[in-house]
């Protein structure tokens, strides 16, 4: 899975702005839990991931003994000296203990861990981006609909315009360009992803006022009479 794994890390860092180190840490922690099920409670078990090649190894500190009683914690002197010629009984040696079927486990676990961490990081990024932007006007494109809510694509982020914030007389279609106010950041919205909550009806800072023809004519007539009086 190495090539695919590295390509995914590169893509997420470049396109989504998620640092490689954050994802590697998440994958490492998830693989550590998976390794314990396969390897057992080995001493100081840890996961080593090469950030360039994507190679994944499980490593543990084993105690050098004459005769192994506990394979999870101990290593025979003869075997230890193949790794470290000057090894002595009682010494601790770090040794690779990667399970044989670890490749399949690693691929599945890494994908799940990355997706979970991506959601968490994006949630944090969105909150930091919009937490102080309530009242600002943003532009976006209608991306999709979640029941009666409108989901807008703001570039790297998505915003949600709840049904209650929609203008009743407006119809929205996928691809439409909209401008709206940021009302708040909802940390609990869809699939654990934070989304700026926006409203369309208070755009430009005022509520939309409906004018009847008679009211509009009266307003125009009143303004005209003031102009004539001034002259």
Protein backbone atom coordinates (compact mmCIF):
# COMPACT_ATOMS: atom_id res chain seq x y z
CA UNK A 1 0.00 0.00 0.00
CA UNK A 2 3.09 2.22 0.21
CA UNK A 3 2.72 4.17 -3.04
CA UNK A 4 -0.99 4.75 -2.50
CA UNK A 5 -0.40 5.74 1.13
CA UNK A 6 2.28 8.31 0.27
CA UNK A 7 0.19 9.68 -2.62
CA UNK A 8 -2.72 10.18 -0.23
CA UNK A 9 -0.50 11.99 2.28
CA UNK A 10 0.85 14.26 -0.47
CA UNK A 11 -2.65 15.04 -1.75
CA UNK A 12 -4.10 15.84 1.67
CA UNK A 13 -1.16 18.06 2.59
CA UNK A 14 -1.25 19.90 -0.74
CA UNK A 15 -4.97 20.18 -1.42
CA UNK A 16 -6.53 20.11 2.05
CA UNK A 17 -3.79 21.81 4.04
CA UNK A 18 -3.49 18.94 6.54
CA UNK A 19 0.08 18.44 7.71
CA UNK A 20 1.64 15.06 6.99
CA UNK A 21 2.89 14.74 10.58
CA UNK A 22 -0.65 14.97 11.96
CA UNK A 23 -1.88 12.16 9.72
CA UNK A 24 1.16 9.98 10.37
CA UNK A 25 0.62 10.32 14.11
CA UNK A 26 -3.03 9.31 13.76
CA UNK A 27 -2.15 6.31 11.61
CA UNK A 28 0.66 5.30 13.96
CA UNK A 29 -1.63 5.37 17.00
CA UNK A 30 -4.28 3.32 15.20
CA UNK A 31 -1.73 0.78 13.98
CA UNK A 32 -0.32 0.49 17.48
CA UNK A 33 -3.69 -0.67 18.75
CA UNK A 34 -4.03 -3.08 15.83
CA UNK A 35 -0.51 -4.43 16.41
CA UNK A 36 -1.20 -5.24 20.04
CA UNK A 37 -3.95 -7.58 18.92
CA UNK A 38 -1.55 -9.41 16.60
CA UNK A 39 1.76 -9.15 18.43
CA UNK A 40 0.48 -9.05 21.99
CA UNK A 41 1.60 -6.85 24.85
CA UNK A 42 5.24 -6.64 23.80
CA UNK A 43 7.59 -4.38 25.76
CA UNK A 44 7.45 -0.74 24.64
CA UNK A 45 5.75 -1.66 21.38
CA UNK A 46 5.80 1.20 18.88
CA UNK A 47 5.06 1.82 15.21
CA UNK A 48 7.63 3.30 12.88
CA UNK A 49 6.41 4.84 9.60
CA UNK A 50 8.90 6.09 7.04
CA UNK A 51 7.42 9.44 5.87
CA UNK A 52 9.08 9.10 2.47
CA UNK A 53 8.68 5.47 1.50
CA UNK A 54 5.61 4.66 3.58
CA UNK A 55 7.24 1.54 5.01
CA UNK A 56 5.57 0.50 8.26
CA UNK A 57 7.24 -1.55 10.99
CA UNK A 58 6.26 -2.68 14.46
CA UNK A 59 9.16 -2.46 16.92
CA UNK A 60 9.51 -3.67 20.50
CA UNK A 61 12.19 -3.72 23.19
CA UNK A 62 13.03 -7.32 24.04
CA UNK A 63 15.15 -8.54 26.94
CA UNK A 64 18.08 -10.81 26.03
CA UNK A 65 17.87 -14.17 27.83
CA UNK A 66 19.49 -17.58 27.58
CA UNK A 67 16.22 -19.44 27.16
CA UNK A 68 13.07 -17.66 26.06
CA UNK A 69 10.08 -18.14 28.36
CA UNK A 70 7.97 -15.21 27.12
CA UNK A 71 8.38 -14.58 23.35
CA UNK A 72 6.52 -11.26 23.60
CA UNK A 73 9.10 -9.80 25.97
CA UNK A 74 12.26 -11.84 25.47
CA UNK A 75 14.78 -12.73 22.79
CA UNK A 76 17.32 -15.58 22.86
CA UNK A 77 20.98 -14.59 23.23
CA UNK A 78 21.91 -16.43 20.04
CA UNK A 79 19.31 -14.52 18.02
CA UNK A 80 20.13 -11.23 19.70
CA UNK A 81 23.79 -11.51 18.71
CA UNK A 82 22.78 -11.78 15.06
CA UNK A 83 21.35 -8.30 15.44
CA UNK A 84 23.95 -6.98 17.88
CA UNK A 85 27.14 -9.09 18.11
CA UNK A 86 28.09 -7.72 21.54
CA UNK A 87 24.64 -8.35 23.09
CA UNK A 88 24.60 -9.62 26.68
CA UNK A 89 22.04 -11.37 28.85
CA UNK A 90 19.78 -8.87 30.59
CA UNK A 91 20.30 -6.24 27.91
CA UNK A 92 17.34 -4.72 26.06
CA UNK A 93 17.33 -4.72 22.26
CA UNK A 94 14.86 -3.04 19.97
CA UNK A 95 13.69 -5.55 17.37
CA UNK A 96 11.19 -5.59 14.55
CA UNK A 97 8.11 -7.63 15.42
CA UNK A 98 5.91 -6.78 12.45
CA UNK A 99 3.21 -9.49 12.02
CA UNK A 100 3.15 -11.44 8.76
CA UNK A 101 -0.34 -10.28 7.83
CA UNK A 102 0.35 -6.72 8.87
CA UNK A 103 0.12 -5.30 5.35
CA UNK A 104 -3.60 -6.01 5.04
CA UNK A 105 -4.30 -4.84 8.57
CA UNK A 106 -2.22 -1.71 8.06
CA UNK A 107 -3.99 -0.73 4.84
CA UNK A 108 -7.46 -0.94 6.35
CA UNK A 109 -6.50 0.62 9.67
CA UNK A 110 -4.55 3.46 8.06
CA UNK A 111 -7.48 4.41 5.84
CA UNK A 112 -9.93 4.48 8.74
CA UNK A 113 -7.54 6.44 10.96
CA UNK A 114 -6.83 9.00 8.26
CA UNK A 115 -10.49 9.59 7.47
CA UNK A 116 -11.31 10.07 11.15
CA UNK A 117 -8.39 12.44 11.69
CA UNK A 118 -9.21 14.37 8.52
CA UNK A 119 -12.71 15.05 9.83
CA UNK A 120 -11.32 16.22 13.15
CA UNK A 121 -8.68 18.46 11.58
CA UNK A 122 -11.10 20.00 9.09
CA UNK A 123 -13.52 20.66 11.91
CA UNK A 124 -10.79 22.51 13.82
CA UNK A 125 -9.65 24.39 10.70
CA UNK A 126 -13.16 25.52 9.85
CA UNK A 127 -13.81 26.68 13.37
CA UNK A 128 -10.57 28.68 13.46
CA UNK A 129 -11.31 30.17 10.04
CA UNK A 130 -14.86 31.32 10.81
CA UNK A 131 -15.16 31.70 14.60
CA UNK A 132 -14.52 35.48 14.39
CA UNK A 133 -16.24 36.09 11.06
CA UNK A 134 -19.86 36.28 12.16
CA UNK A 135 -21.54 39.04 10.18
CA UNK A 136 -19.14 38.85 7.23
CA UNK A 137 -20.41 38.30 3.71
CA UNK A 138 -19.14 35.20 1.91
CA UNK A 139 -19.57 34.01 -1.65
CA UNK A 140 -20.12 30.41 -2.58
CA UNK A 141 -21.64 27.97 -5.04
CA UNK A 142 -24.58 25.71 -4.30
CA UNK A 143 -22.99 22.28 -4.12
CA UNK A 144 -25.81 20.04 -2.97
CA UNK A 145 -28.89 19.82 -0.77
CA UNK A 146 -29.27 18.10 2.58
CA UNK A 147 -33.02 17.68 2.80
CA UNK A 148 -34.20 21.30 2.74
CA UNK A 149 -30.83 22.80 3.73
CA UNK A 150 -28.54 24.29 1.10
CA UNK A 151 -24.86 23.30 1.21
CA UNK A 152 -22.54 25.93 -0.26
CA UNK A 153 -19.02 25.32 -1.50
CA UNK A 154 -16.76 28.12 -0.21
CA UNK A 155 -13.57 26.68 -1.67
CA UNK A 156 -11.77 24.61 0.96
CA UNK A 157 -14.81 24.62 3.21
CA UNK A 158 -18.54 24.08 3.07
CA UNK A 159 -21.27 26.23 4.60
CA UNK A 160 -24.83 25.30 5.40
CA UNK A 161 -27.86 27.51 4.85
CA UNK A 162 -30.63 25.96 6.95
CA UNK A 163 -34.16 25.96 5.65
CA UNK A 164 -35.12 28.57 8.25
CA UNK A 165 -32.57 31.00 6.78
CA UNK A 166 -33.63 30.60 3.15
CA UNK A 167 -35.49 33.34 1.31
CA UNK A 168 -38.94 31.92 0.70
CA UNK A 169 -39.31 33.38 -2.80
CA UNK A 170 -35.88 32.20 -4.00
CA UNK A 171 -35.21 28.88 -5.72
CA UNK A 172 -31.75 27.37 -5.53
CA UNK A 173 -30.07 25.04 -7.98
CA UNK A 174 -26.74 23.24 -7.95
CA UNK A 175 -24.13 25.58 -9.42
CA UNK A 176 -25.87 28.83 -8.41
CA UNK A 177 -23.58 31.54 -7.05
CA UNK A 178 -24.76 33.07 -3.78
CA UNK A 179 -23.62 35.69 -1.30
CA UNK A 180 -24.71 35.43 2.30
CA UNK A 181 -23.90 36.37 5.88
CA UNK A 182 -21.96 34.11 8.23
CA UNK A 183 -24.20 33.74 11.27
CA UNK A 184 -22.16 31.24 13.35
CA UNK A 185 -20.06 28.09 13.19
CA UNK A 186 -22.05 24.97 14.03
CA UNK A 187 -19.65 22.41 15.49
CA UNK A 188 -22.31 19.70 15.56
CA UNK A 189 -23.53 19.79 11.99
CA UNK A 190 -23.43 16.92 9.50
CA UNK A 191 -21.09 13.98 9.89
CA UNK A 192 -19.19 15.64 12.75
CA UNK A 193 -18.02 18.39 10.43
CA UNK A 194 -18.15 22.00 11.45
CA UNK A 195 -19.89 24.27 8.98
CA UNK A 196 -20.39 28.03 8.97
CA UNK A 197 -24.12 28.65 9.31
CA UNK A 198 -25.15 31.35 6.86
CA UNK A 199 -28.32 33.24 6.11
CA UNK A 200 -29.47 34.73 2.87
CA UNK A 201 -32.40 36.82 4.00
CA UNK A 202 -30.37 39.43 5.91
CA UNK A 203 -27.86 40.04 3.14
CA UNK A 204 -26.42 43.58 3.10
CA UNK A 205 -27.46 44.06 6.69
CA UNK A 206 -31.20 44.72 6.22
CA UNK A 207 -34.22 42.51 6.03
CA UNK A 208 -35.84 42.25 2.64
CA UNK A 209 -38.87 44.52 2.54
CA UNK A 210 -41.75 43.65 0.25
CA UNK A 211 -43.17 46.66 -1.60
CA UNK A 212 -46.65 46.65 -3.07
CA UNK A 213 -47.25 48.70 -6.19
CA UNK A 214 -49.41 51.21 -4.29
CA UNK A 215 -46.81 51.63 -1.53
CA UNK A 216 -44.05 52.09 -4.07
CA UNK A 217 -46.15 54.67 -5.99
CA UNK A 218 -46.89 56.56 -2.77
CA UNK A 219 -43.24 56.63 -1.82
CA UNK A 220 -42.25 57.91 -5.26
CA UNK A 221 -45.01 60.55 -5.22
CA UNK A 222 -43.95 61.72 -1.78
CA UNK A 223 -40.37 62.06 -2.87
CA UNK A 224 -41.41 63.95 -6.01
CA UNK A 225 -43.53 66.43 -4.03
CA UNK A 226 -40.60 67.11 -1.71
CA UNK A 227 -38.42 67.81 -4.69
CA UNK A 228 -40.98 70.26 -6.17
CA UNK A 229 -41.38 72.00 -2.82
CA UNK A 230 -37.63 72.43 -2.54
CA UNK A 231 -37.56 74.05 -5.98
